[in-house]
Amino acid sequence: MNNLNRIKSLQETLPYLHDTSSKIIVIKYGGSAMTDPDLTLSVIQDIATLSLLGFKIILVHGGGPAINEWLEKLQMKPKFKNGIRITDSSTMELVQMVLSGKINKDLVGTLGSLNVRAVGLSGKDGQLILADSIELYAENKVGKIRVIDTHILEILLENQYMPVVAPIGTNESGLSFNINADTVASEIASAIKASSLIMLTDTPGILKDFSAPDTLYPNLDLKNLEELINNGTIVGGMLPKVHGCIKALKDGVQSIRIIDGRLPHSLLLTLLSEAHVGSVLTL
């Protein structure tokens, strides 16, 4: 690309840069795309670009593949129900170490190297995420969110810091709960009244046939989503994503997309161009 083409490309982004400082964007990054170091760096570079352009970004991350890797090292078999990890007390400590101590700090460090002032948090910091067990069974440390306290996020955003949130919740006694990262991202977007929620995942979006990428649903409204859930098209790990997105739509988040984090620069294409990437969800 020559210099004139570079300038033209920059000029084409100008309509998307109006009043970026007033736009809070919640980005959820997860899936097997996080296991590729080169791809992870590319995604974080794009997030850094958006931040340096003035967008207020809250990054919520998952880490399932890394958790599974450590469980395998310890010969502990991961268990799932309706696309959500089942976490007993014997694995909760490991989950917290991997999410909060390893993945979170690696992301913060990479963002820092790109001149972004990022701060790593879990839901325990500032009691950001108050949670209870998803079941009455006391040994299940999978949590359901009771309330999101956005105060610490607002302080960071107002002072030009990017919050990077690990999906760990707490209760008043200080117990830790593992919470689905899609749910955390959706609830944070709702609570802080984000202008946009973007789910970066390892599929092209919502598919009619999950084995056929060309069966993407580009646009879906609430009625469509409920039909796809009821007829079994939306299953597994896509279920908590879509349930969270439905709640966020009803709570007033105006722009919601599920996009492929493996697609080069999918975030920039989504926010700085007219390109149609992934599935767009609307009321």
Protein backbone atom coordinates (compact mmCIF):
# COMPACT_ATOMS: atom_id res chain seq x y z
CA MET A 1 0.00 0.00 0.00
CA ASN A 2 1.49 3.34 -1.03
CA ASN A 3 1.28 6.50 1.06
CA LEU A 4 -1.72 7.94 -0.81
CA ASN A 5 -3.70 4.74 -0.31
CA ARG A 6 -2.83 4.81 3.37
CA ILE A 7 -4.13 8.37 3.66
CA LYS A 8 -7.31 7.42 1.77
CA SER A 9 -7.87 4.50 4.12
CA LEU A 10 -7.47 6.78 7.12
CA GLN A 11 -9.89 9.29 5.66
CA GLU A 12 -12.48 6.55 5.13
CA THR A 13 -12.50 5.81 8.85
CA LEU A 14 -13.33 9.42 9.84
CA PRO A 15 -17.13 8.97 9.91
CA TYR A 16 -16.68 6.18 12.48
CA LEU A 17 -14.50 8.26 14.79
CA HIS A 18 -17.06 10.90 15.71
CA ASP A 19 -17.32 11.34 19.48
CA THR A 20 -15.53 8.07 20.26
CA SER A 21 -14.88 9.13 23.87
CA SER A 22 -18.60 8.87 24.63
CA LYS A 23 -18.88 5.30 23.33
CA ILE A 24 -18.29 2.46 25.75
CA ILE A 25 -17.65 -0.82 23.97
CA VAL A 26 -17.62 -4.12 25.83
CA ILE A 27 -15.57 -6.76 24.02
CA LYS A 28 -15.62 -10.39 25.03
CA TYR A 29 -12.59 -12.32 23.83
CA GLY A 30 -12.50 -16.07 24.16
CA GLY A 31 -12.68 -19.42 22.46
CA SER A 32 -9.93 -21.49 20.92
CA ALA A 33 -8.72 -18.38 19.05
CA MET A 34 -6.95 -17.47 22.30
CA THR A 35 -4.69 -20.51 21.96
CA ASP A 36 -2.87 -19.12 18.89
CA PRO A 37 -0.22 -16.63 20.10
CA ASP A 38 0.04 -14.84 16.74
CA LEU A 39 -3.73 -14.49 16.47
CA THR A 40 -3.99 -13.31 20.07
CA LEU A 41 -1.37 -10.62 19.42
CA SER A 42 -3.23 -9.47 16.29
CA VAL A 43 -6.54 -9.19 18.19
CA ILE A 44 -4.92 -7.30 21.07
CA GLN A 45 -3.21 -4.96 18.59
CA ASP A 46 -6.63 -4.17 17.10
CA ILE A 47 -8.09 -3.56 20.56
CA ALA A 48 -5.15 -1.26 21.31
CA THR A 49 -5.78 0.61 18.06
CA LEU A 50 -9.41 1.22 19.01
CA SER A 51 -8.37 2.39 22.46
CA LEU A 52 -5.78 4.80 21.08
CA LEU A 53 -8.44 6.16 18.70
CA GLY A 54 -10.44 7.15 21.75
CA PHE A 55 -12.97 4.35 22.20
CA LYS A 56 -13.68 3.45 25.82
CA ILE A 57 -13.18 -0.29 25.92
CA ILE A 58 -13.89 -2.87 28.59
CA LEU A 59 -12.29 -6.19 27.71
CA VAL A 60 -13.79 -9.32 29.24
CA HIS A 61 -11.85 -12.51 28.58
CA GLY A 62 -12.48 -16.21 28.83
CA GLY A 63 -9.86 -18.88 29.02
CA GLY A 64 -11.54 -22.26 28.68
CA PRO A 65 -8.83 -23.91 26.56
CA ALA A 66 -6.12 -22.86 29.02
CA ILE A 67 -8.18 -24.15 31.95
CA ASN A 68 -8.71 -27.44 30.13
CA GLU A 69 -4.95 -27.67 29.49
CA TRP A 70 -4.19 -27.31 33.20
CA LEU A 71 -6.96 -29.71 34.20
CA GLU A 72 -5.47 -32.26 31.81
CA LYS A 73 -2.02 -31.76 33.34
CA LEU A 74 -3.56 -32.59 36.71
CA GLN A 75 -5.58 -35.46 35.19
CA MET A 76 -8.90 -33.80 36.04
CA LYS A 77 -11.62 -34.16 33.40
CA PRO A 78 -13.53 -30.94 32.55
CA LYS A 79 -17.32 -31.15 32.76
CA PHE A 80 -19.94 -29.02 31.00
CA LYS A 81 -23.72 -28.62 31.21
CA ASN A 82 -25.64 -26.55 28.62
CA GLY A 83 -22.37 -25.06 27.40
CA ILE A 84 -21.32 -23.88 30.88
CA ARG A 85 -18.40 -25.32 32.81
CA ILE A 86 -19.17 -27.20 36.02
CA THR A 87 -16.62 -26.18 38.66
CA ASP A 88 -16.34 -27.97 41.98
CA SER A 89 -14.31 -26.70 44.90
CA SER A 90 -11.32 -28.84 43.94
CA THR A 91 -10.93 -27.02 40.61
CA MET A 92 -12.03 -23.50 41.58
CA GLU A 93 -8.62 -22.52 42.88
CA LEU A 94 -6.98 -23.61 39.64
CA VAL A 95 -9.59 -21.80 37.54
CA GLN A 96 -9.00 -18.59 39.47
CA MET A 97 -5.23 -18.86 39.10
CA VAL A 98 -5.43 -19.45 35.34
CA LEU A 99 -8.01 -16.75 34.63
CA SER A 100 -6.92 -14.02 37.05
CA GLY A 101 -3.25 -14.78 37.52
CA LYS A 102 -2.15 -15.98 34.10
CA ILE A 103 -4.44 -14.99 31.22
CA ASN A 104 -5.53 -11.66 32.68
CA LYS A 105 -2.01 -10.48 33.41
CA ASP A 106 -0.68 -11.67 30.05
CA LEU A 107 -3.35 -9.60 28.28
CA VAL A 108 -2.63 -6.56 30.46
CA GLY A 109 1.08 -6.90 29.77
CA THR A 110 0.58 -7.11 26.01
CA LEU A 111 -1.71 -4.08 26.02
CA GLY A 112 0.85 -2.19 28.09
CA SER A 113 3.54 -2.95 25.53
CA LEU A 114 1.25 -1.29 22.96
CA ASN A 115 0.98 1.91 25.02
CA VAL A 116 -2.47 1.14 26.41
CA ARG A 117 -2.99 1.80 30.11
CA ALA A 118 -4.75 -1.43 31.03
CA VAL A 119 -5.74 -2.60 34.50
CA GLY A 120 -6.46 -6.26 35.23
CA LEU A 121 -9.45 -7.05 37.39
CA SER A 122 -11.61 -9.93 38.46
CA GLY A 123 -15.11 -9.61 39.82
CA LYS A 124 -13.63 -9.70 43.31
CA ASP A 125 -11.91 -6.33 42.84
CA GLY A 126 -14.13 -3.59 44.22
CA GLN A 127 -16.85 -6.25 44.46
CA LEU A 128 -17.40 -5.67 40.76
CA ILE A 129 -19.36 -8.91 40.40
CA LEU A 130 -21.44 -10.15 43.33
CA ALA A 131 -22.56 -13.70 42.68
CA ASP A 132 -24.19 -16.77 44.14
CA SER A 133 -23.86 -20.44 43.29
CA ILE A 134 -25.86 -21.37 40.21
CA GLU A 135 -27.23 -24.33 42.19
CA LEU A 136 -28.13 -25.05 45.78
CA TYR A 137 -25.43 -27.72 45.73
CA ALA A 138 -22.70 -26.05 47.79
CA GLU A 139 -19.82 -27.76 46.00
CA ASN A 140 -20.68 -26.21 42.65
CA LYS A 141 -18.60 -23.06 42.32
CA VAL A 142 -20.19 -21.98 39.05
CA GLY A 143 -21.78 -18.63 39.78
CA LYS A 144 -24.79 -16.66 38.69
CA ILE A 145 -24.52 -12.90 38.77
CA ARG A 146 -26.58 -11.11 41.39
CA VAL A 147 -25.38 -7.57 40.73
CA ILE A 148 -22.70 -5.69 38.78
CA ASP A 149 -21.20 -2.69 40.59
CA THR A 150 -19.77 -0.54 37.80
CA HIS A 151 -18.10 2.03 40.07
CA ILE A 152 -14.56 0.73 39.63
CA LEU A 153 -15.06 0.45 35.86
CA GLU A 154 -16.31 4.03 35.67
CA ILE A 155 -13.32 5.33 37.65
CA LEU A 156 -10.90 3.55 35.32
CA LEU A 157 -12.63 4.65 32.12
CA GLU A 158 -12.87 8.28 33.28
CA ASN A 159 -9.11 8.26 33.83
CA GLN A 160 -8.29 6.71 30.44
CA TYR A 161 -7.56 3.19 31.70
CA MET A 162 -8.84 0.06 30.01
CA PRO A 163 -10.39 -2.48 32.42
CA VAL A 164 -9.52 -6.09 31.57
CA VAL A 165 -11.93 -8.35 33.44
CA ALA A 166 -11.52 -12.01 34.38
CA PRO A 167 -14.89 -13.76 34.86
CA ILE A 168 -14.57 -14.55 38.57
CA GLY A 169 -17.31 -13.42 40.94
CA THR A 170 -17.54 -13.24 44.71
CA ASN A 171 -20.06 -13.12 47.51
CA GLU A 172 -20.05 -11.12 50.74
CA SER A 173 -18.02 -13.84 52.44
CA GLY A 174 -15.28 -13.63 49.82
CA LEU A 175 -15.96 -17.00 48.20
CA SER A 176 -15.00 -17.23 44.53
CA PHE A 177 -17.28 -18.31 41.71
CA ASN A 178 -16.47 -19.20 38.13
CA ILE A 179 -18.88 -17.35 35.81
CA ASN A 180 -19.32 -17.79 32.09
CA ALA A 181 -17.41 -14.96 30.38
CA ASP A 182 -20.19 -14.37 27.84
CA THR A 183 -22.61 -13.78 30.70
CA VAL A 184 -20.16 -11.43 32.43
CA ALA A 185 -19.65 -9.38 29.25
CA SER A 186 -23.40 -9.10 28.64
CA GLU A 187 -24.18 -8.13 32.22
CA ILE A 188 -21.41 -5.53 32.30
CA ALA A 189 -22.62 -4.06 28.98
CA SER A 190 -26.13 -3.78 30.41
CA ALA A 191 -25.05 -2.33 33.76
CA ILE A 192 -22.72 0.32 32.37
CA LYS A 193 -25.08 1.18 29.49
CA ALA A 194 -22.53 0.37 26.81
CA SER A 195 -23.19 1.55 23.28
CA SER A 196 -21.94 -1.73 21.86
CA LEU A 197 -21.28 -5.34 22.84
CA ILE A 198 -19.03 -7.46 20.65
CA MET A 199 -18.56 -11.18 21.21
CA LEU A 200 -15.29 -12.34 19.66
CA THR A 201 -15.42 -16.09 19.30
CA ASP A 202 -14.11 -18.95 17.16
CA THR A 203 -17.04 -19.26 14.76
CA PRO A 204 -18.18 -16.91 11.95
CA GLY A 205 -21.26 -16.03 14.02
CA ILE A 206 -24.58 -17.82 14.48
CA LEU A 207 -24.84 -20.61 11.91
CA LYS A 208 -27.77 -22.64 10.60
CA ASP A 209 -25.35 -25.58 10.38
CA PHE A 210 -22.38 -25.25 12.74
CA SER A 211 -20.25 -27.37 10.40
CA ALA A 212 -20.91 -25.06 7.42
CA PRO A 213 -19.49 -21.52 7.74
CA ASP A 214 -21.48 -20.36 4.69
CA THR A 215 -24.77 -20.85 6.59
CA LEU A 216 -24.23 -17.68 8.64
CA TYR A 217 -27.27 -15.74 9.82
CA PRO A 218 -26.13 -12.13 9.17
CA ASN A 219 -29.08 -10.44 10.90
CA LEU A 220 -31.30 -11.76 13.68
CA ASP A 221 -33.93 -10.15 15.88
CA LEU A 222 -35.31 -11.35 19.20
CA LYS A 223 -38.03 -13.44 17.60
CA ASN A 224 -35.50 -15.14 15.31
CA LEU A 225 -33.17 -15.86 18.22
CA GLU A 226 -35.91 -17.42 20.33
CA GLU A 227 -36.98 -19.61 17.41
CA LEU A 228 -33.40 -20.81 16.86
CA ILE A 229 -33.05 -21.64 20.55
CA ASN A 230 -36.36 -23.51 20.61
CA ASN A 231 -35.64 -25.56 17.48
CA GLY A 232 -32.18 -26.57 18.67
CA THR A 233 -30.14 -24.59 16.14
CA ILE A 234 -28.44 -22.59 18.89
CA VAL A 235 -26.85 -25.08 21.28
CA GLY A 236 -23.73 -25.70 23.38
CA GLY A 237 -21.36 -22.80 23.92
CA MET A 238 -23.45 -20.50 21.72
CA LEU A 239 -26.37 -20.71 24.17
CA PRO A 240 -24.91 -18.56 26.99
CA LYS A 241 -23.69 -16.07 24.37
CA VAL A 242 -27.14 -15.66 22.88
CA HIS A 243 -28.96 -15.66 26.23
CA GLY A 244 -26.63 -12.89 27.39
CA CYS A 245 -27.10 -10.93 24.17
CA ILE A 246 -30.89 -11.18 24.45
CA LYS A 247 -30.78 -9.75 27.96
CA ALA A 248 -28.43 -6.96 26.87
CA LEU A 249 -30.73 -6.05 23.97
CA LYS A 250 -33.70 -5.86 26.32
CA ASP A 251 -31.61 -3.72 28.70
CA GLY A 252 -30.93 -1.17 25.99
CA VAL A 253 -27.55 -2.09 24.47
CA GLN A 254 -28.12 -0.90 20.91
CA SER A 255 -25.39 -2.65 18.94
CA ILE A 256 -24.57 -6.33 19.48
CA ARG A 257 -22.49 -8.54 17.23
CA ILE A 258 -21.09 -12.05 17.42
CA ILE A 259 -18.00 -12.14 15.20
CA ASP A 260 -15.14 -14.44 14.30
CA GLY A 261 -12.02 -13.55 16.28
CA ARG A 262 -9.97 -15.66 13.88
CA LEU A 263 -10.80 -13.38 10.95
CA PRO A 264 -7.93 -10.89 10.52
CA HIS A 265 -8.91 -7.46 11.85
CA SER A 266 -12.56 -8.44 12.32
CA LEU A 267 -12.87 -5.90 15.15
CA LEU A 268 -11.59 -3.01 13.04
CA LEU A 269 -13.77 -4.04 10.11
CA THR A 270 -16.79 -4.12 12.42
CA LEU A 271 -16.25 -0.71 14.01
CA LEU A 272 -14.42 1.28 11.33
CA SER A 273 -16.04 0.20 8.06
CA GLU A 274 -19.28 -0.79 6.38
CA ALA A 275 -18.13 -4.41 6.13
CA HIS A 276 -20.70 -6.92 7.34
CA VAL A 277 -18.90 -9.20 9.78
CA GLY A 278 -20.57 -11.92 11.84
CA SER A 279 -24.13 -11.91 13.13
CA VAL A 280 -25.83 -8.63 14.01
CA LEU A 281 -28.46 -8.95 16.76
CA THR A 282 -31.29 -6.46 17.13
CA LEU A 283 -34.61 -6.03 18.91
